[in-house]
Amino acid sequence: MSAGATSAPLACAPLVADAALPREGGANRKVVEVAVGVLIRADGQFLLTSRPPGKVYEGCWEFPGGKLEAGESVEAALRRELHEEIGITIGAVQPWKTEMVDYPHALVRLNFCKVFDWAGELQMREGQQFAWQSLPVSVQPVLPGTIPVLDWFAQECGFLGATCAAE
């Protein structure tokens, strides 16, 4: 297990994205650890970014972040990724929830952290787009691994109804 990975057992089976597609690497593939930033403004809106051109799930909307490097903690990876991808320096990081997602291309453990404090102007350094959102989100399509986070927000704030606008 890489540094910063959680060892707590998962509460349920992984979320399976695009279940009809074959899994690259088969059933025993390595888990990819990912740090994900849930940036929340004072008005309660949260930041979503689109997957950059040329990447798997290009154009899908997600919370920003990226893979942990060898020996890197979730917080260190999040600081590095958010600076590299969107040009900001983050303050305190609040570990929030973890979700395992089985994508056709990778089995990922998403380590979600809430971030309420950052410095710098957003710069989409990988050609992606960004949108400040509230529930229900209006951007589409939403990456499968993002759906549980929207549901968690809904539970926290007592929001009833669909968390994504109808496509």
C-alpha atoms as a PDB file:
ATOM      1  CA  MET A   1       0.000   0.000   0.000  1.00  0.00           C
ATOM      2  CA  SER A   2       1.355   3.405  -0.914  1.00  0.00           C
ATOM      3  CA  ALA A   3       1.964   6.170   1.586  1.00  0.00           C
ATOM      4  CA  GLY A   4      -1.165   8.055   2.437  1.00  0.00           C
ATOM      5  CA  ALA A   5      -3.458   5.188   1.464  1.00  0.00           C
ATOM      6  CA  THR A   6      -6.162   4.268   3.884  1.00  0.00           C
ATOM      7  CA  SER A   7      -6.231   0.766   5.279  1.00  0.00           C
ATOM      8  CA  ALA A   8      -9.823   0.880   6.495  1.00  0.00           C
ATOM      9  CA  PRO A   9     -12.065  -1.706   4.883  1.00  0.00           C
ATOM     10  CA  LEU A  10     -14.451  -0.490   2.245  1.00  0.00           C
ATOM     11  CA  ALA A  11     -18.067  -0.294   3.343  1.00  0.00           C
ATOM     12  CA  CYS A  12     -19.321  -1.782   0.087  1.00  0.00           C
ATOM     13  CA  ALA A  13     -18.213  -3.178  -3.234  1.00  0.00           C
ATOM     14  CA  PRO A  14     -16.509  -0.810  -5.683  1.00  0.00           C
ATOM     15  CA  LEU A  15     -18.624   1.360  -7.928  1.00  0.00           C
ATOM     16  CA  VAL A  16     -18.375  -0.250 -11.373  1.00  0.00           C
ATOM     17  CA  ALA A  17     -18.269   2.218 -14.260  1.00  0.00           C
ATOM     18  CA  ASP A  18     -19.231   1.017 -17.745  1.00  0.00           C
ATOM     19  CA  ALA A  19     -19.778  -2.539 -16.502  1.00  0.00           C
ATOM     20  CA  ALA A  20     -20.283  -3.949 -20.010  1.00  0.00           C
ATOM     21  CA  LEU A  21     -16.712  -3.075 -21.019  1.00  0.00           C
ATOM     22  CA  PRO A  22     -13.735  -5.386 -20.307  1.00  0.00           C
ATOM     23  CA  ARG A  23     -11.366  -4.497 -17.463  1.00  0.00           C
ATOM     24  CA  GLU A  24      -7.782  -3.737 -18.575  1.00  0.00           C
ATOM     25  CA  GLY A  25      -5.390  -5.825 -16.492  1.00  0.00           C
ATOM     26  CA  GLY A  26      -8.026  -8.313 -15.370  1.00  0.00           C
ATOM     27  CA  ALA A  27      -9.447  -9.009 -11.935  1.00  0.00           C
ATOM     28  CA  ASN A  28      -6.188  -8.746  -9.962  1.00  0.00           C
ATOM     29  CA  ARG A  29      -5.037  -5.352 -11.164  1.00  0.00           C
ATOM     30  CA  LYS A  30      -3.296  -2.907  -8.870  1.00  0.00           C
ATOM     31  CA  VAL A  31      -5.280  -0.177  -7.123  1.00  0.00           C
ATOM     32  CA  VAL A  32      -4.337   3.332  -8.275  1.00  0.00           C
ATOM     33  CA  GLU A  33      -4.413   5.842  -5.406  1.00  0.00           C
ATOM     34  CA  VAL A  34      -5.857   9.237  -6.352  1.00  0.00           C
ATOM     35  CA  ALA A  35      -6.092  12.450  -4.306  1.00  0.00           C
ATOM     36  CA  VAL A  36      -9.200  14.489  -5.101  1.00  0.00           C
ATOM     37  CA  GLY A  37      -9.895  18.077  -4.050  1.00  0.00           C
ATOM     38  CA  VAL A  38     -13.419  19.176  -3.262  1.00  0.00           C
ATOM     39  CA  LEU A  39     -12.964  22.954  -3.304  1.00  0.00           C
ATOM     40  CA  ILE A  40     -15.863  24.701  -1.589  1.00  0.00           C
ATOM     41  CA  ARG A  41     -16.415  28.454  -1.674  1.00  0.00           C
ATOM     42  CA  ALA A  42     -17.947  30.465   1.173  1.00  0.00           C
ATOM     43  CA  ASP A  43     -21.271  30.531  -0.724  1.00  0.00           C
ATOM     44  CA  GLY A  44     -21.344  26.703  -0.732  1.00  0.00           C
ATOM     45  CA  GLN A  45     -20.601  26.246  -4.434  1.00  0.00           C
ATOM     46  CA  PHE A  46     -18.009  23.608  -5.333  1.00  0.00           C
ATOM     47  CA  LEU A  47     -15.554  23.384  -8.222  1.00  0.00           C
ATOM     48  CA  LEU A  48     -15.883  20.846 -11.024  1.00  0.00           C
ATOM     49  CA  THR A  49     -13.422  20.584 -13.900  1.00  0.00           C
ATOM     50  CA  SER A  50     -13.701  18.734 -17.187  1.00  0.00           C
ATOM     51  CA  ARG A  51     -11.358  15.865 -18.059  1.00  0.00           C
ATOM     52  CA  PRO A  52      -8.649  17.248 -20.362  1.00  0.00           C
ATOM     53  CA  PRO A  53      -8.466  16.503 -24.090  1.00  0.00           C
ATOM     54  CA  GLY A  54      -6.763  13.194 -24.860  1.00  0.00           C
ATOM     55  CA  LYS A  55      -7.434  11.610 -21.455  1.00  0.00           C
ATOM     56  CA  VAL A  56      -9.768   8.729 -20.676  1.00  0.00           C
ATOM     57  CA  TYR A  57     -13.336  10.035 -20.194  1.00  0.00           C
ATOM     58  CA  GLU A  58     -12.365  13.259 -21.993  1.00  0.00           C
ATOM     59  CA  GLY A  59     -14.881  16.045 -21.363  1.00  0.00           C
ATOM     60  CA  CYS A  60     -16.554  14.395 -18.355  1.00  0.00           C
ATOM     61  CA  TRP A  61     -16.884  16.606 -15.281  1.00  0.00           C
ATOM     62  CA  GLU A  62     -15.113  15.714 -12.046  1.00  0.00           C
ATOM     63  CA  PHE A  63     -13.485  17.120  -8.956  1.00  0.00           C
ATOM     64  CA  PRO A  64      -9.824  18.009  -9.668  1.00  0.00           C
ATOM     65  CA  GLY A  65      -6.901  15.920  -8.449  1.00  0.00           C
ATOM     66  CA  GLY A  66      -4.581  13.176  -9.557  1.00  0.00           C
ATOM     67  CA  LYS A  67      -2.503  10.100  -8.847  1.00  0.00           C
ATOM     68  CA  LEU A  68      -0.230   9.782  -5.848  1.00  0.00           C
ATOM     69  CA  GLU A  69       3.449   9.406  -6.678  1.00  0.00           C
ATOM     70  CA  ALA A  70       5.605   6.809  -4.882  1.00  0.00           C
ATOM     71  CA  GLY A  71       5.949   7.679  -1.195  1.00  0.00           C
ATOM     72  CA  GLU A  72       3.559  10.639  -1.444  1.00  0.00           C
ATOM     73  CA  SER A  73       0.732  11.258   1.024  1.00  0.00           C
ATOM     74  CA  VAL A  74      -2.779  12.095  -0.136  1.00  0.00           C
ATOM     75  CA  GLU A  75      -2.365  15.679   1.083  1.00  0.00           C
ATOM     76  CA  ALA A  76       1.015  16.142  -0.629  1.00  0.00           C
ATOM     77  CA  ALA A  77      -0.354  14.712  -3.892  1.00  0.00           C
ATOM     78  CA  LEU A  78      -3.387  16.986  -3.700  1.00  0.00           C
ATOM     79  CA  ARG A  79      -1.217  20.068  -3.143  1.00  0.00           C
ATOM     80  CA  ARG A  80       1.020  19.130  -6.085  1.00  0.00           C
ATOM     81  CA  GLU A  81      -1.815  18.161  -8.452  1.00  0.00           C
ATOM     82  CA  LEU A  82      -3.940  21.260  -7.806  1.00  0.00           C
ATOM     83  CA  HIS A  83      -0.944  23.503  -8.378  1.00  0.00           C
ATOM     84  CA  GLU A  84       0.077  21.660 -11.559  1.00  0.00           C
ATOM     85  CA  GLU A  85      -3.437  21.337 -13.031  1.00  0.00           C
ATOM     86  CA  ILE A  86      -5.289  24.473 -11.970  1.00  0.00           C
ATOM     87  CA  GLY A  87      -2.589  26.842 -10.668  1.00  0.00           C
ATOM     88  CA  ILE A  88      -3.667  27.272  -7.056  1.00  0.00           C
ATOM     89  CA  THR A  89      -1.967  26.783  -3.702  1.00  0.00           C
ATOM     90  CA  ILE A  90      -4.256  25.188  -1.142  1.00  0.00           C
ATOM     91  CA  GLY A  91      -4.458  25.797   2.593  1.00  0.00           C
ATOM     92  CA  ALA A  92      -5.749  23.241   5.082  1.00  0.00           C
ATOM     93  CA  VAL A  93      -6.943  19.906   3.735  1.00  0.00           C
ATOM     94  CA  GLN A  94      -9.819  18.068   5.419  1.00  0.00           C
ATOM     95  CA  PRO A  95      -9.821  14.334   4.549  1.00  0.00           C
ATOM     96  CA  TRP A  96     -13.462  13.473   3.860  1.00  0.00           C
ATOM     97  CA  LYS A  97     -14.403  10.170   2.243  1.00  0.00           C
ATOM     98  CA  THR A  98     -12.903   7.383   0.159  1.00  0.00           C
ATOM     99  CA  GLU A  99     -14.548   5.627  -2.784  1.00  0.00           C
ATOM    100  CA  MET A 100     -13.262   2.690  -4.829  1.00  0.00           C
ATOM    101  CA  VAL A 101     -14.218   2.875  -8.516  1.00  0.00           C
ATOM    102  CA  ASP A 102     -13.678   0.090 -11.033  1.00  0.00           C
ATOM    103  CA  TYR A 103     -13.228   1.813 -14.393  1.00  0.00           C
ATOM    104  CA  PRO A 104     -12.476  -0.236 -17.531  1.00  0.00           C
ATOM    105  CA  HIS A 105      -8.987   1.330 -17.700  1.00  0.00           C
ATOM    106  CA  ALA A 106      -8.100   1.269 -13.972  1.00  0.00           C
ATOM    107  CA  LEU A 107      -9.187   0.331 -10.474  1.00  0.00           C
ATOM    108  CA  VAL A 108      -8.917   3.552  -8.464  1.00  0.00           C
ATOM    109  CA  ARG A 109      -9.258   4.527  -4.836  1.00  0.00           C
ATOM    110  CA  LEU A 110     -10.466   8.123  -4.764  1.00  0.00           C
ATOM    111  CA  ASN A 111      -9.385   9.905  -1.575  1.00  0.00           C
ATOM    112  CA  PHE A 112     -11.689  12.929  -1.372  1.00  0.00           C
ATOM    113  CA  CYS A 113     -10.558  15.928   0.683  1.00  0.00           C
ATOM    114  CA  LYS A 114     -12.500  19.102   1.334  1.00  0.00           C
ATOM    115  CA  VAL A 115     -10.614  22.344   0.765  1.00  0.00           C
ATOM    116  CA  PHE A 116     -12.047  25.680   1.910  1.00  0.00           C
ATOM    117  CA  ASP A 117      -8.907  27.821   1.612  1.00  0.00           C
ATOM    118  CA  TRP A 118      -6.697  28.428  -1.420  1.00  0.00           C
ATOM    119  CA  ALA A 119      -4.683  31.187  -3.054  1.00  0.00           C
ATOM    120  CA  GLY A 120      -4.265  32.122  -6.689  1.00  0.00           C
ATOM    121  CA  GLU A 121      -6.505  32.467  -9.701  1.00  0.00           C
ATOM    122  CA  LEU A 122      -7.792  29.336 -11.411  1.00  0.00           C
ATOM    123  CA  GLN A 123      -5.698  28.493 -14.470  1.00  0.00           C
ATOM    124  CA  MET A 124      -6.797  25.515 -16.515  1.00  0.00           C
ATOM    125  CA  ARG A 125      -3.292  24.328 -17.418  1.00  0.00           C
ATOM    126  CA  GLU A 126      -4.355  21.132 -19.224  1.00  0.00           C
ATOM    127  CA  GLY A 127      -6.979  22.594 -21.547  1.00  0.00           C
ATOM    128  CA  GLN A 128      -9.862  21.639 -19.291  1.00  0.00           C
ATOM    129  CA  GLN A 129     -12.860  23.782 -18.360  1.00  0.00           C
ATOM    130  CA  PHE A 130     -14.145  24.670 -14.902  1.00  0.00           C
ATOM    131  CA  ALA A 131     -17.512  25.488 -13.387  1.00  0.00           C
ATOM    132  CA  TRP A 132     -18.621  26.469  -9.898  1.00  0.00           C
ATOM    133  CA  GLN A 133     -21.673  24.357  -9.152  1.00  0.00           C
ATOM    134  CA  SER A 134     -24.376  23.667  -6.594  1.00  0.00           C
ATOM    135  CA  LEU A 135     -26.967  20.907  -6.520  1.00  0.00           C
ATOM    136  CA  PRO A 136     -28.261  19.867  -8.940  1.00  0.00           C
ATOM    137  CA  VAL A 137     -25.145  20.292 -11.078  1.00  0.00           C
ATOM    138  CA  SER A 138     -25.808  21.654 -14.546  1.00  0.00           C
ATOM    139  CA  VAL A 139     -22.640  20.425 -16.314  1.00  0.00           C
ATOM    140  CA  GLN A 140     -22.747  17.166 -18.278  1.00  0.00           C
ATOM    141  CA  PRO A 141     -21.662  14.427 -18.533  1.00  0.00           C
ATOM    142  CA  VAL A 142     -20.491  13.776 -14.986  1.00  0.00           C
ATOM    143  CA  LEU A 143     -17.721  11.205 -14.422  1.00  0.00           C
ATOM    144  CA  PRO A 144     -19.110   8.076 -12.670  1.00  0.00           C
ATOM    145  CA  GLY A 145     -16.746   8.490  -9.699  1.00  0.00           C
ATOM    146  CA  THR A 146     -18.158  11.969  -9.089  1.00  0.00           C
ATOM    147  CA  ILE A 147     -21.763  10.824  -8.611  1.00  0.00           C
ATOM    148  CA  PRO A 148     -21.259   9.499  -5.044  1.00  0.00           C
ATOM    149  CA  VAL A 149     -19.732  12.820  -3.986  1.00  0.00           C
ATOM    150  CA  LEU A 150     -22.777  14.705  -5.214  1.00  0.00           C
ATOM    151  CA  ASP A 151     -24.930  12.290  -3.211  1.00  0.00           C
ATOM    152  CA  TRP A 152     -22.795  12.918  -0.102  1.00  0.00           C
ATOM    153  CA  PHE A 153     -23.284  16.674  -0.547  1.00  0.00           C
ATOM    154  CA  ALA A 154     -27.023  16.117  -0.867  1.00  0.00           C
ATOM    155  CA  GLN A 155     -27.096  14.111   2.371  1.00  0.00           C
ATOM    156  CA  GLU A 156     -25.063  16.720   4.241  1.00  0.00           C
ATOM    157  CA  CYS A 157     -27.259  19.637   3.235  1.00  0.00           C
ATOM    158  CA  GLY A 158     -30.613  17.840   3.185  1.00  0.00           C
ATOM    159  CA  PHE A 159     -31.002  18.289  -0.583  1.00  0.00           C
ATOM    160  CA  LEU A 160     -33.781  16.151  -2.031  1.00  0.00           C
ATOM    161  CA  GLY A 161     -34.002  15.259  -5.672  1.00  0.00           C
ATOM    162  CA  ALA A 162     -31.604  14.444  -8.492  1.00  0.00           C
ATOM    163  CA  THR A 163     -28.050  15.713  -7.960  1.00  0.00           C
ATOM    164  CA  CYS A 164     -27.450  16.088 -11.719  1.00  0.00           C
ATOM    165  CA  ALA A 165     -29.631  17.981 -14.179  1.00  0.00           C
ATOM    166  CA  ALA A 166     -31.433  15.697 -16.629  1.00  0.00           C
ATOM    167  CA  GLU A 167     -29.452  15.005 -19.781  1.00  0.00           C
END
